[in-house]
Amino acid sequence: MNRNRVYTIKTGEQAFFGLTICMVFFACGIIAGTFSARGLDASGTQALQQSMLGHIAQIRAGTVESPGFLSVFWIAGRDHLLVLFLGFSLLGVFCLPILSAVRGFYLSFSIAVFVRAFGTGGLPVALSLFGVSAVITVPCFFILVSQAFTATSELGRGVLGMGKPHIGTLYGRGYVLRTALCFLGILAAVLLELYVTPALVAWTSSFL
């Protein structure tokens, strides 16, 4: 077995290990976010209900002010941008799992708080508000996390003298291609958020 073949297998194992670790942290974040939503008190619940009902009414009437493309793009892709940065940093091994947990926490917390305020009838609206773009952005997030974890692990091994990182392989054509595909995925998620989510929210609001 040649050297390139061995290196490819090793990096594949590292990518799988990193993906597994980050998914476990993501799941822990989901659990923590779900239980944290139970701390919403009566006044907070009422304020959320009034705020969201007013927002939904504006969506149904078509009078809500649509956010700008760049604003939505930043919100949808900022975590992915941070993942890319951590892929070039020695801190990525430690920070990527933490970032995954934070991502899972806020996603589940947003949905759980909404359901706590409106009951199970609010679940379709919550999924419309927070879940449509997540169907695309979350897989893209983990694709980037997997390759970033491999890269930062190899950089760390090189610093510790446990091997020489193959920079051309770590950040080669495959790395760039996956990053570009995820960028296109985020663009698609932004378009869904701008043009599909309002219609879904207007339709599912009948369940409230």
Protein backbone atom coordinates (compact mmCIF):
# COMPACT_ATOMS: atom_id res chain seq x y z
CA MET A 1 0.00 0.00 0.00
CA ASN A 2 1.58 3.29 -1.09
CA ARG A 3 2.09 6.32 1.09
CA ASN A 4 -0.72 8.38 -0.44
CA ARG A 5 -3.19 5.53 0.08
CA VAL A 6 -2.21 5.21 3.75
CA TYR A 7 -2.49 8.96 4.24
CA THR A 8 -5.93 9.04 2.62
CA ILE A 9 -7.18 6.28 4.95
CA LYS A 10 -5.74 8.06 7.99
CA THR A 11 -7.34 11.39 7.12
CA GLY A 12 -10.64 9.63 6.41
CA GLU A 13 -10.55 8.09 9.88
CA GLN A 14 -9.78 11.48 11.41
CA ALA A 15 -12.66 13.07 9.51
CA PHE A 16 -15.06 10.39 10.76
CA PHE A 17 -13.78 10.72 14.31
CA GLY A 18 -14.08 14.50 14.23
CA LEU A 19 -17.56 14.31 12.72
CA THR A 20 -18.66 11.85 15.41
CA ILE A 21 -17.31 13.99 18.24
CA CYS A 22 -18.93 17.15 16.89
CA MET A 23 -22.27 15.41 16.32
CA VAL A 24 -22.23 14.15 19.91
CA PHE A 25 -21.62 17.71 21.13
CA PHE A 26 -24.35 18.95 18.79
CA ALA A 27 -26.78 16.44 20.30
CA CYS A 28 -25.80 17.52 23.80
CA GLY A 29 -26.46 21.12 22.78
CA ILE A 30 -29.91 20.14 21.52
CA ILE A 31 -30.73 18.45 24.82
CA ALA A 32 -29.46 21.42 26.83
CA GLY A 33 -31.40 23.88 24.67
CA THR A 34 -34.60 21.90 24.97
CA PHE A 35 -34.42 21.73 28.76
CA SER A 36 -33.32 25.37 29.07
CA ALA A 37 -36.55 26.45 27.38
CA ARG A 38 -38.43 25.13 30.40
CA GLY A 39 -37.04 28.07 32.38
CA LEU A 40 -39.22 30.54 30.47
CA ASP A 41 -41.57 32.09 33.05
CA ALA A 42 -45.16 33.25 32.58
CA SER A 43 -44.28 36.86 31.80
CA GLY A 44 -41.66 35.79 29.29
CA THR A 45 -44.13 33.41 27.68
CA GLN A 46 -46.76 36.12 27.35
CA ALA A 47 -44.27 38.60 25.89
CA LEU A 48 -43.11 36.03 23.36
CA GLN A 49 -46.67 35.19 22.39
CA GLN A 50 -47.58 38.83 21.78
CA SER A 51 -44.39 39.50 19.85
CA MET A 52 -44.66 36.44 17.62
CA LEU A 53 -48.40 36.83 16.99
CA GLY A 54 -47.77 40.39 15.84
CA HIS A 55 -44.93 39.26 13.60
CA ILE A 56 -47.00 36.43 12.11
CA ALA A 57 -49.91 38.80 11.51
CA GLN A 58 -47.57 41.07 9.55
CA ILE A 59 -46.32 38.11 7.52
CA ARG A 60 -49.86 37.02 6.67
CA ALA A 61 -50.79 40.58 5.71
CA GLY A 62 -47.64 40.98 3.64
CA THR A 63 -46.59 44.10 5.55
CA VAL A 64 -43.56 42.69 7.34
CA GLU A 65 -40.28 44.34 6.42
CA SER A 66 -38.13 41.75 4.70
CA PRO A 67 -34.52 41.60 5.91
CA GLY A 68 -31.77 42.27 3.41
CA PHE A 69 -30.01 39.49 1.55
CA LEU A 70 -26.64 40.19 3.18
CA SER A 71 -28.19 40.22 6.65
CA VAL A 72 -29.82 36.82 6.14
CA PHE A 73 -26.66 35.46 4.52
CA TRP A 74 -24.57 36.53 7.51
CA ILE A 75 -26.95 34.92 9.99
CA ALA A 76 -27.12 31.69 7.97
CA GLY A 77 -23.40 31.43 7.26
CA ARG A 78 -21.49 33.00 10.13
CA ASP A 79 -20.98 29.68 11.95
CA HIS A 80 -19.74 28.11 8.71
CA LEU A 81 -17.28 30.96 8.26
CA LEU A 82 -16.00 30.39 11.78
CA VAL A 83 -15.58 26.68 11.02
CA LEU A 84 -13.47 27.55 7.97
CA PHE A 85 -11.29 29.82 10.12
CA LEU A 86 -10.85 27.14 12.79
CA GLY A 87 -9.75 24.70 10.09
CA PHE A 88 -6.58 26.79 9.74
CA SER A 89 -6.08 27.14 13.50
CA LEU A 90 -4.52 24.85 16.08
CA LEU A 91 -7.47 25.67 18.35
CA GLY A 92 -9.91 23.96 16.00
CA VAL A 93 -9.68 20.57 17.71
CA PHE A 94 -11.05 22.10 20.91
CA CYS A 95 -13.29 24.81 19.49
CA LEU A 96 -15.13 22.87 16.77
CA PRO A 97 -16.95 20.55 19.23
CA ILE A 98 -17.86 23.56 21.39
CA LEU A 99 -19.18 25.43 18.35
CA SER A 100 -21.23 22.37 17.41
CA ALA A 101 -22.77 22.29 20.87
CA VAL A 102 -23.63 26.00 20.68
CA ARG A 103 -25.18 25.51 17.25
CA GLY A 104 -27.36 22.66 18.53
CA PHE A 105 -28.31 24.62 21.64
CA TYR A 106 -29.63 27.70 19.86
CA LEU A 107 -31.47 25.70 17.21
CA SER A 108 -33.32 23.55 19.75
CA PHE A 109 -33.82 26.41 22.21
CA SER A 110 -35.53 28.57 19.57
CA ILE A 111 -37.94 25.79 18.63
CA ALA A 112 -38.53 24.62 22.22
CA VAL A 113 -39.27 28.14 23.49
CA PHE A 114 -41.79 28.66 20.71
CA VAL A 115 -43.52 25.35 21.49
CA ARG A 116 -43.55 26.19 25.19
CA ALA A 117 -45.26 29.50 24.43
CA PHE A 118 -47.86 28.15 21.98
CA GLY A 119 -48.12 24.46 22.82
CA THR A 120 -47.80 21.62 20.34
CA GLY A 121 -49.86 23.61 17.84
CA GLY A 122 -46.91 25.97 17.55
CA LEU A 123 -44.53 23.23 16.39
CA PRO A 124 -45.36 23.58 12.65
CA VAL A 125 -44.80 27.34 12.83
CA ALA A 126 -41.56 26.88 14.79
CA LEU A 127 -40.27 24.40 12.22
CA SER A 128 -41.23 26.81 9.45
CA LEU A 129 -39.40 29.67 11.14
CA PHE A 130 -36.26 27.86 12.23
CA GLY A 131 -36.16 24.51 10.47
CA VAL A 132 -36.48 25.23 6.75
CA SER A 133 -33.04 26.70 6.22
CA ALA A 134 -31.56 24.36 8.85
CA VAL A 135 -32.32 21.39 6.57
CA ILE A 136 -29.54 22.75 4.35
CA THR A 137 -27.29 24.71 6.69
CA VAL A 138 -26.85 21.95 9.29
CA PRO A 139 -25.55 19.32 6.81
CA CYS A 140 -23.28 21.97 5.29
CA PHE A 141 -22.05 22.81 8.78
CA PHE A 142 -21.05 19.21 9.46
CA ILE A 143 -19.37 18.78 6.08
CA LEU A 144 -17.18 21.77 6.87
CA VAL A 145 -16.65 20.62 10.46
CA SER A 146 -15.48 17.20 9.31
CA GLN A 147 -12.81 18.52 6.97
CA ALA A 148 -11.80 21.32 9.33
CA PHE A 149 -11.30 18.87 12.20
CA THR A 150 -9.05 16.72 10.02
CA ALA A 151 -7.00 19.72 8.94
CA THR A 152 -6.54 21.18 12.41
CA SER A 153 -5.69 17.73 13.82
CA GLU A 154 -2.92 17.30 11.25
CA LEU A 155 -1.60 20.78 11.99
CA GLY A 156 -1.50 19.93 15.69
CA ARG A 157 0.34 16.66 15.01
CA GLY A 158 2.89 18.59 12.99
CA VAL A 159 3.50 21.10 15.78
CA LEU A 160 3.95 18.25 18.28
CA GLY A 161 6.44 16.55 15.99
CA MET A 162 4.18 13.55 15.35
CA GLY A 163 4.24 13.91 11.60
CA LYS A 164 4.55 16.35 8.75
CA PRO A 165 1.20 17.74 7.57
CA HIS A 166 0.55 17.44 3.86
CA ILE A 167 -0.78 20.96 3.28
CA GLY A 168 -1.47 20.33 -0.39
CA THR A 169 -3.65 17.34 0.50
CA LEU A 170 -5.38 18.90 3.51
CA TYR A 171 -6.39 22.05 1.66
CA GLY A 172 -6.46 20.58 -1.82
CA ARG A 173 -9.08 20.29 -4.53
CA GLY A 174 -11.47 18.22 -2.40
CA TYR A 175 -11.35 20.76 0.43
CA VAL A 176 -12.06 23.64 -1.94
CA LEU A 177 -14.82 21.74 -3.75
CA ARG A 178 -16.66 20.83 -0.55
CA THR A 179 -16.35 24.41 0.67
CA ALA A 180 -17.75 25.72 -2.60
CA LEU A 181 -20.67 23.28 -2.50
CA CYS A 182 -21.48 24.34 1.05
CA PHE A 183 -21.33 27.98 -0.03
CA LEU A 184 -23.91 27.22 -2.71
CA GLY A 185 -25.98 25.39 -0.10
CA ILE A 186 -25.97 28.44 2.15
CA LEU A 187 -27.07 30.59 -0.77
CA ALA A 188 -29.97 28.21 -1.36
CA ALA A 189 -30.87 28.36 2.35
CA VAL A 190 -30.89 32.16 2.21
CA LEU A 191 -33.26 32.12 -0.76
CA LEU A 192 -35.54 29.70 1.09
CA GLU A 193 -35.48 31.96 4.14
CA LEU A 194 -36.39 35.01 2.08
CA TYR A 195 -39.00 33.58 -0.27
CA VAL A 196 -40.31 30.27 1.11
CA THR A 197 -40.28 30.65 4.89
CA PRO A 198 -42.80 33.55 4.99
CA ALA A 199 -45.30 31.56 2.94
CA LEU A 200 -44.88 28.49 5.16
CA VAL A 201 -45.27 30.57 8.31
CA ALA A 202 -48.45 32.14 6.95
CA TRP A 203 -49.85 28.70 6.14
CA THR A 204 -48.84 26.92 9.36
CA SER A 205 -50.02 29.79 11.55
CA SER A 206 -53.55 28.39 11.17
CA PHE A 207 -52.49 25.67 13.64
CA LEU A 208 -52.00 28.20 16.45
